[in-house]
Amino acid sequence: KKAAEEEGARKAAEARMAAAMKWQKFEEEAAKKAAEEEAAWKAAEEQAAQKQQFHETVTAELQAFKNAAMWQSFEEKAAKKAVSKAAEEEAAWKAAEEQAARKAKEAAQLVMATVTAVEPHSDETALQAAGKAKNAEANQKGKQQQEFREKIALKAPADILRTAEEAARKAAEKARGEEEARVAAAQEQQFRETVTAELQAFKNAAIWQTFEEKAAKKAAEEERAWKALLGRQQRAEQAIEEEEARVAAAKRWQKLEEEAAKKAAEEERRVPGRLQRRVWQQP
């Protein structure tokens, strides 16, 4: 009987030890799996962050390169236009100066020729011979020449001024046209930058949405795995509790049997043959 009791206690202890070892192994496997999933999740997050950063860096560098190329092209065009405008203005100014000088020279030559034609001869003998009759004609011609000279003198500056005003007007119109072209180019550049920024924002939003969908999917998978793990853990705990309950019940039953056997032995010692007589007296 004592050997049977020891065997039962040993088996119960072995069962408890096996259950404890199984539970410990299960906890170690669960912790290991959770650590692996956490490491995989962190690696996926780092990889996604690196990809996002690389994409943003490449996009920014490409945009900067495009902006630099467009700005360089705009500067080259502006420099060419400025050089061309300066050359045209210089040519127009030189042409206006040459034309004004030529007109002034022609007017001076005409005035000198007219003055020379109407001037009286320096020969006193010829003047005395001409008489007073020609003095009136000379005075009239001198008066006409003076009027003509005044008209020429007034006309030449007017032509020069008109030419200068025309050149200034053309230069102003050209500058206004270039300013309008520059404003249109700036507006076009701003429109392109806005469209590029909106397109990039749309791409970033699509990438982020894909990343969020993948993250949500992975989170759902991890939640399902965790629920399954929790269910297995609960079932293991329930099995351990049932095993412990069976062991406790077996111990209680064994204790009851021992107490009953002890009581029977005491009664047998106190009244020998009583139990036997009681058994034989039963119907």
Protein backbone atom coordinates (compact mmCIF):
# COMPACT_ATOMS: atom_id res chain seq x y z
CA LYS A 1 0.00 0.00 0.00
CA LYS A 2 2.79 2.40 0.89
CA ALA A 3 4.55 1.56 -2.35
CA ALA A 4 1.32 2.28 -4.24
CA GLU A 5 0.98 5.61 -2.48
CA GLU A 6 4.56 6.53 -3.30
CA GLU A 7 4.03 5.44 -6.90
CA GLY A 8 0.91 7.61 -7.15
CA ALA A 9 2.69 10.59 -5.60
CA ARG A 10 5.64 10.08 -7.93
CA LYS A 11 3.41 9.90 -10.98
CA ALA A 12 1.54 13.03 -9.87
CA ALA A 13 4.84 14.86 -9.34
CA GLU A 14 6.06 13.70 -12.75
CA ALA A 15 2.80 14.85 -14.33
CA ARG A 16 3.11 18.26 -12.66
CA MET A 17 6.75 18.49 -13.73
CA ALA A 18 5.88 17.54 -17.31
CA ALA A 19 3.04 20.08 -17.37
CA ALA A 20 5.34 22.78 -15.97
CA MET A 21 8.02 21.94 -18.53
CA LYS A 22 5.45 22.01 -21.34
CA TRP A 23 4.14 25.36 -20.14
CA GLN A 24 7.68 26.77 -19.86
CA LYS A 25 8.51 25.53 -23.35
CA PHE A 26 5.29 27.03 -24.68
CA GLU A 27 6.08 30.38 -23.05
CA GLU A 28 9.63 30.34 -24.48
CA GLU A 29 8.33 29.56 -27.96
CA ALA A 30 5.68 32.29 -27.68
CA ALA A 31 8.27 34.84 -26.49
CA LYS A 32 10.66 33.82 -29.26
CA LYS A 33 7.95 34.11 -31.90
CA ALA A 34 6.83 37.49 -30.54
CA ALA A 35 10.45 38.72 -30.61
CA GLU A 36 10.86 37.49 -34.20
CA GLU A 37 7.62 39.19 -35.26
CA GLU A 38 8.68 42.41 -33.51
CA ALA A 39 12.08 42.31 -35.23
CA ALA A 40 10.43 41.62 -38.61
CA TRP A 41 8.00 44.50 -38.05
CA LYS A 42 10.81 46.88 -37.11
CA ALA A 43 12.84 45.78 -40.14
CA ALA A 44 9.82 46.34 -42.40
CA GLU A 45 9.26 49.80 -40.89
CA GLU A 46 12.94 50.72 -41.32
CA GLN A 47 12.94 49.45 -44.89
CA ALA A 48 9.77 51.41 -45.70
CA ALA A 49 11.26 54.55 -44.09
CA GLN A 50 14.49 54.11 -46.06
CA LYS A 51 12.56 53.64 -49.30
CA GLN A 52 10.44 56.72 -48.57
CA GLN A 53 13.52 58.79 -47.72
CA PHE A 54 15.34 57.59 -50.84
CA HIS A 55 12.32 58.40 -53.00
CA GLU A 56 12.00 61.87 -51.47
CA THR A 57 15.74 62.53 -51.88
CA VAL A 58 15.75 61.43 -55.52
CA THR A 59 12.62 63.45 -56.24
CA ALA A 60 14.07 66.56 -54.57
CA GLU A 61 17.36 66.22 -56.45
CA LEU A 62 15.54 65.70 -59.74
CA GLN A 63 13.33 68.72 -59.09
CA ALA A 64 16.36 70.82 -58.12
CA PHE A 65 18.13 69.72 -61.29
CA LYS A 66 15.09 70.60 -63.38
CA ASN A 67 14.74 73.98 -61.66
CA ALA A 68 18.46 74.70 -62.12
CA ALA A 69 18.31 73.75 -65.80
CA MET A 70 15.19 75.85 -66.39
CA TRP A 71 16.67 78.80 -64.47
CA GLN A 72 19.94 78.52 -66.42
CA SER A 73 18.02 78.43 -69.70
CA PHE A 74 15.95 81.43 -68.57
CA GLU A 75 19.12 83.34 -67.59
CA GLU A 76 20.77 82.51 -70.91
CA LYS A 77 17.70 83.68 -72.80
CA ALA A 78 17.49 86.83 -70.69
CA ALA A 79 21.20 87.53 -71.24
CA LYS A 80 20.82 87.02 -74.98
CA LYS A 81 17.79 89.30 -75.03
CA ALA A 82 19.62 91.93 -72.98
CA VAL A 83 22.65 91.81 -75.29
CA SER A 84 20.43 91.94 -78.37
CA LYS A 85 18.41 94.79 -76.88
CA ALA A 86 21.55 96.75 -75.99
CA ALA A 87 22.98 96.18 -79.47
CA GLU A 88 19.73 97.27 -81.11
CA GLU A 89 19.48 100.34 -78.88
CA GLU A 90 23.11 101.19 -79.59
CA ALA A 91 22.57 100.77 -83.33
CA ALA A 92 19.36 102.84 -83.21
CA TRP A 93 21.10 105.57 -81.19
CA LYS A 94 24.08 105.64 -83.58
CA ALA A 95 21.75 105.75 -86.57
CA ALA A 96 19.79 108.60 -84.97
CA GLU A 97 23.03 110.48 -84.20
CA GLU A 98 24.34 109.94 -87.73
CA GLN A 99 21.04 111.01 -89.25
CA ALA A 100 20.89 114.10 -87.02
CA ALA A 101 24.52 114.97 -87.82
CA ARG A 102 23.91 114.45 -91.52
CA LYS A 103 20.78 116.62 -91.47
CA ALA A 104 22.57 119.29 -89.45
CA LYS A 105 25.51 119.22 -91.88
CA GLU A 106 23.20 119.44 -94.89
CA ALA A 107 21.31 122.31 -93.27
CA ALA A 108 24.58 124.11 -92.46
CA GLN A 109 25.84 123.59 -96.02
CA LEU A 110 22.57 124.86 -97.41
CA VAL A 111 22.68 127.87 -95.11
CA MET A 112 26.27 128.61 -96.02
CA ALA A 113 25.55 128.23 -99.73
CA THR A 114 22.55 130.51 -99.46
CA VAL A 115 24.45 133.03 -97.40
CA THR A 116 27.34 132.90 -99.86
CA ALA A 117 24.96 133.36 -102.76
CA VAL A 118 23.31 136.44 -101.29
CA GLU A 119 26.39 138.01 -99.68
CA PRO A 120 27.58 141.20 -101.46
CA HIS A 121 30.97 141.11 -103.10
CA SER A 122 33.86 142.61 -101.23
CA ASP A 123 34.97 144.55 -104.24
CA GLU A 124 34.10 148.18 -103.46
CA THR A 125 34.35 149.14 -107.12
CA ALA A 126 31.73 146.62 -108.15
CA LEU A 127 29.40 147.76 -105.40
CA GLN A 128 29.69 151.34 -106.39
CA ALA A 129 29.09 150.37 -110.00
CA ALA A 130 26.03 148.30 -109.11
CA GLY A 131 24.34 151.24 -107.52
CA LYS A 132 21.56 151.69 -105.19
CA ALA A 133 19.16 149.76 -107.38
CA LYS A 134 20.61 146.44 -106.37
CA ASN A 135 20.84 147.28 -102.69
CA ALA A 136 17.11 146.92 -102.27
CA GLU A 137 17.16 143.54 -104.06
CA ALA A 138 20.09 142.38 -101.90
CA ASN A 139 18.29 143.43 -98.76
CA GLN A 140 15.18 141.57 -99.87
CA LYS A 141 17.18 138.46 -100.68
CA GLY A 142 19.02 138.75 -97.37
CA LYS A 143 15.74 138.96 -95.55
CA GLN A 144 14.44 135.90 -97.40
CA GLN A 145 17.68 134.03 -96.66
CA GLN A 146 17.42 134.94 -92.99
CA GLU A 147 13.90 133.61 -92.88
CA PHE A 148 15.02 130.44 -94.70
CA ARG A 149 17.95 130.02 -92.34
CA GLU A 150 15.65 130.38 -89.35
CA LYS A 151 13.29 127.79 -90.82
CA ILE A 152 16.21 125.40 -91.44
CA ALA A 153 17.57 126.01 -87.95
CA LEU A 154 14.15 125.27 -86.44
CA LYS A 155 13.52 122.26 -88.67
CA ALA A 156 16.78 120.40 -87.94
CA PRO A 157 16.29 120.14 -84.13
CA ALA A 158 12.66 119.15 -84.67
CA ASP A 159 13.75 116.28 -86.93
CA ILE A 160 16.41 115.23 -84.43
CA LEU A 161 13.91 115.41 -81.57
CA ARG A 162 11.32 113.51 -83.59
CA THR A 163 13.86 110.82 -84.44
CA ALA A 164 14.95 110.57 -80.82
CA GLU A 165 11.34 110.37 -79.62
CA GLU A 166 10.61 107.67 -82.18
CA ALA A 167 13.66 105.70 -81.08
CA ALA A 168 12.66 106.10 -77.42
CA ARG A 169 9.11 105.00 -78.18
CA LYS A 170 10.31 101.92 -80.03
CA ALA A 171 12.73 101.10 -77.22
CA ALA A 172 9.92 101.48 -74.66
CA GLU A 173 7.62 99.24 -76.70
CA LYS A 174 10.36 96.65 -77.01
CA ALA A 175 11.10 96.80 -73.28
CA ARG A 176 7.38 96.46 -72.53
CA GLY A 177 7.16 93.43 -74.82
CA GLU A 178 10.19 91.85 -73.15
CA GLU A 179 8.70 92.53 -69.71
CA GLU A 180 5.43 90.90 -70.77
CA ALA A 181 7.38 87.93 -72.13
CA ARG A 182 9.34 87.68 -68.87
CA VAL A 183 6.14 87.80 -66.81
CA ALA A 184 4.57 85.14 -69.03
CA ALA A 185 7.68 82.95 -68.65
CA ALA A 186 7.58 83.41 -64.86
CA GLN A 187 3.88 82.49 -64.77
CA GLU A 188 4.55 79.43 -66.90
CA GLN A 189 7.43 78.42 -64.60
CA GLN A 190 5.20 78.86 -61.53
CA PHE A 191 2.45 76.81 -63.19
CA ARG A 192 4.92 74.03 -63.99
CA GLU A 193 6.24 74.04 -60.42
CA THR A 194 2.69 73.93 -59.04
CA VAL A 195 1.72 71.03 -61.30
CA THR A 196 4.95 69.18 -60.45
CA ALA A 197 4.37 69.71 -56.71
CA GLU A 198 0.77 68.49 -56.95
CA LEU A 199 1.87 65.45 -58.94
CA GLN A 200 4.59 64.68 -56.38
CA ALA A 201 2.07 65.10 -53.54
CA PHE A 202 -0.27 62.69 -55.32
CA LYS A 203 2.57 60.16 -55.72
CA ASN A 204 3.56 60.52 -52.06
CA ALA A 205 -0.08 60.08 -50.99
CA ALA A 206 -0.37 56.93 -53.11
CA ILE A 207 2.88 55.53 -51.67
CA TRP A 208 1.77 56.34 -48.12
CA GLN A 209 -1.65 54.79 -48.73
CA THR A 210 0.01 51.59 -49.99
CA PHE A 211 2.27 51.56 -46.94
CA GLU A 212 -0.71 52.07 -44.61
CA GLU A 213 -2.63 49.26 -46.31
CA LYS A 214 0.34 46.91 -45.93
CA ALA A 215 0.80 47.98 -42.31
CA ALA A 216 -2.91 47.45 -41.57
CA LYS A 217 -2.79 44.03 -43.23
CA LYS A 218 0.28 43.02 -41.23
CA ALA A 219 -1.29 44.36 -38.02
CA ALA A 220 -4.43 42.30 -38.69
CA GLU A 221 -2.32 39.19 -39.31
CA GLU A 222 -0.38 39.79 -36.11
CA GLU A 223 -3.61 40.33 -34.18
CA ARG A 224 -4.99 37.03 -35.50
CA ALA A 225 -1.73 35.26 -34.60
CA TRP A 226 -1.79 36.82 -31.15
CA LYS A 227 -5.41 35.76 -30.60
CA ALA A 228 -4.56 32.22 -31.71
CA LEU A 229 -1.57 32.22 -29.36
CA LEU A 230 -3.74 33.53 -26.54
CA GLY A 231 -6.30 30.81 -27.25
CA ARG A 232 -3.62 28.12 -27.16
CA GLN A 233 -2.29 29.59 -23.93
CA GLN A 234 -5.76 29.60 -22.37
CA ARG A 235 -6.35 26.00 -23.46
CA ALA A 236 -2.97 25.00 -22.00
CA GLU A 237 -3.81 26.75 -18.74
CA GLN A 238 -7.18 25.04 -18.67
CA ALA A 239 -5.52 21.66 -19.29
CA ILE A 240 -3.06 22.33 -16.46
CA GLU A 241 -5.90 23.34 -14.15
CA GLU A 242 -7.84 20.18 -15.05
CA GLU A 243 -4.74 18.06 -14.48
CA GLU A 244 -4.16 19.73 -11.12
CA ALA A 245 -7.83 19.20 -10.24
CA ARG A 246 -7.55 15.49 -11.14
CA VAL A 247 -4.37 15.18 -9.07
CA ALA A 248 -6.05 16.95 -6.12
CA ALA A 249 -9.12 14.70 -6.44
CA ALA A 250 -6.89 11.64 -6.56
CA LYS A 251 -5.06 12.85 -3.47
CA ARG A 252 -8.34 13.47 -1.64
CA TRP A 253 -9.64 10.05 -2.64
CA GLN A 254 -6.37 8.47 -1.57
CA LYS A 255 -6.55 10.31 1.75
CA LEU A 256 -10.14 9.15 2.27
CA GLU A 257 -9.12 5.58 1.53
CA GLU A 258 -6.20 5.86 3.92
CA GLU A 259 -8.43 7.29 6.65
CA ALA A 260 -11.02 4.57 6.08
CA ALA A 261 -8.36 1.86 6.18
CA LYS A 262 -6.85 3.36 9.30
CA LYS A 263 -10.24 3.56 10.98
CA ALA A 264 -10.99 -0.03 10.04
CA ALA A 265 -7.64 -1.13 11.41
CA GLU A 266 -8.29 0.70 14.68
CA GLU A 267 -11.69 -0.92 15.02
CA GLU A 268 -10.17 -4.29 14.25
CA ARG A 269 -7.58 -3.85 16.95
CA ARG A 270 -10.13 -2.59 19.46
CA VAL A 271 -12.68 -5.38 18.85
CA PRO A 272 -11.06 -8.37 17.15
CA GLY A 273 -13.37 -10.24 14.79
CA ARG A 274 -16.06 -7.55 14.91
CA LEU A 275 -15.60 -6.53 11.34
CA GLN A 276 -15.57 -10.14 10.24
CA ARG A 277 -18.74 -10.92 12.23
CA ARG A 278 -20.37 -7.81 10.79
CA VAL A 279 -19.50 -8.96 7.30
CA TRP A 280 -20.83 -12.46 7.91
CA GLN A 281 -24.02 -11.14 9.51
CA GLN A 282 -24.89 -9.12 6.45
CA PRO A 283 -27.67 -10.68 4.34
